[in-house]
C-alpha atoms as a PDB file:
ATOM      1  CA  MET A   1     -56.499  27.599 -68.256  1.00  0.00           C
ATOM      2  CA  THR A   2     -57.681  24.768 -65.410  1.00  0.00           C
ATOM      3  CA  LYS A   3     -54.661  24.483 -63.299  1.00  0.00           C
ATOM      4  CA  LYS A   4     -53.697  20.685 -64.726  1.00  0.00           C
ATOM      5  CA  THR A   5     -52.484  22.831 -67.379  1.00  0.00           C
ATOM      6  CA  LEU A   6     -50.774  25.103 -66.073  1.00  0.00           C
ATOM      7  CA  GLN A   7     -48.861  23.270 -62.921  1.00  0.00           C
ATOM      8  CA  LEU A   8     -47.954  20.291 -66.823  1.00  0.00           C
ATOM      9  CA  LYS A   9     -46.495  23.567 -68.395  1.00  0.00           C
ATOM     10  CA  ALA A  10     -44.764  25.065 -65.526  1.00  0.00           C
ATOM     11  CA  ILE A  11     -43.058  21.090 -64.687  1.00  0.00           C
ATOM     12  CA  LYS A  12     -42.170  20.537 -68.635  1.00  0.00           C
ATOM     13  CA  ALA A  13     -40.100  24.056 -68.339  1.00  0.00           C
ATOM     14  CA  LEU A  14     -38.313  23.005 -65.502  1.00  0.00           C
ATOM     15  CA  LYS A  15     -37.579  19.545 -67.112  1.00  0.00           C
ATOM     16  CA  GLU A  16     -36.472  21.675 -70.697  1.00  0.00           C
ATOM     17  CA  ALA A  17     -34.314  23.439 -67.963  1.00  0.00           C
ATOM     18  CA  VAL A  18     -32.515  21.650 -66.175  1.00  0.00           C
ATOM     19  CA  ARG A  19     -31.723  19.413 -69.633  1.00  0.00           C
ATOM     20  CA  LYS A  20     -30.172  22.935 -71.053  1.00  0.00           C
ATOM     21  CA  VAL A  21     -27.902  23.508 -67.669  1.00  0.00           C
ATOM     22  CA  VAL A  22     -26.706  19.943 -67.670  1.00  0.00           C
ATOM     23  CA  GLU A  23     -25.948  19.900 -71.012  1.00  0.00           C
ATOM     24  CA  GLU A  24     -24.024  23.445 -70.890  1.00  0.00           C
ATOM     25  CA  HIS A  25     -22.093  22.080 -67.942  1.00  0.00           C
ATOM     26  CA  LYS A  26     -20.747  18.252 -69.912  1.00  0.00           C
ATOM     27  CA  HIS A  27     -20.298  21.101 -73.019  1.00  0.00           C
ATOM     28  CA  SER A  28     -17.844  23.181 -70.956  1.00  0.00           C
ATOM     29  CA  GLY A  29     -16.991  20.727 -68.293  1.00  0.00           C
ATOM     30  CA  ARG A  30     -18.222  21.916 -65.005  1.00  0.00           C
ATOM     31  CA  ARG A  31     -19.380  20.198 -62.036  1.00  0.00           C
ATOM     32  CA  LEU A  32     -23.082  20.231 -61.054  1.00  0.00           C
ATOM     33  CA  VAL A  33     -23.739  20.777 -57.834  1.00  0.00           C
ATOM     34  CA  VAL A  34     -26.964  19.105 -57.185  1.00  0.00           C
ATOM     35  CA  TRP A  35     -28.596  17.902 -53.020  1.00  0.00           C
ATOM     36  CA  ARG A  36     -28.309  14.270 -52.601  1.00  0.00           C
ATOM     37  CA  ASN A  37     -28.636  12.625 -48.996  1.00  0.00           C
ATOM     38  CA  GLY A  38     -29.572  15.869 -46.766  1.00  0.00           C
ATOM     39  CA  LYS A  39     -26.062  17.003 -48.474  1.00  0.00           C
ATOM     40  CA  LEU A  40     -24.937  19.171 -51.464  1.00  0.00           C
ATOM     41  CA  MET A  41     -22.522  17.273 -54.366  1.00  0.00           C
ATOM     42  CA  ARG A  42     -20.732  18.484 -57.121  1.00  0.00           C
ATOM     43  CA  ILE A  43     -21.225  15.623 -59.903  1.00  0.00           C
ATOM     44  CA  PRO A  44     -19.004  16.135 -62.900  1.00  0.00           C
ATOM     45  CA  ALA A  45     -22.092  16.466 -65.731  1.00  0.00           C
ATOM     46  CA  SER A  46     -21.400  13.189 -67.135  1.00  0.00           C
ATOM     47  CA  GLN A  47     -21.780  11.205 -64.418  1.00  0.00           C
ATOM     48  CA  VAL A  48     -25.937  12.714 -64.807  1.00  0.00           C
ATOM     49  CA  LEU A  49     -28.303  10.116 -66.404  1.00  0.00           C
ATOM     50  CA  ARG A  50     -30.145  10.910 -68.275  1.00  0.00           C
ATOM     51  CA  LYS A  51     -34.179   9.960 -67.859  1.00  0.00           C
ATOM     52  CA  ALA A  52     -36.369   8.530 -70.010  1.00  0.00           C
ATOM     53  CA  ASN A  53     -39.379  10.573 -69.670  1.00  0.00           C
END
């Protein structure tokens, strides 16, 4: 396996993990904690925009 292939698999796995966490938080009504502009912010999962990747 090449380094690039391993990196692509890792990125894909991380994106999938984040997607699952956001969906779980939306379902349970819990807020997400994100790093934005050098600060921690708590935002409702319903406000997280879905990117097309």
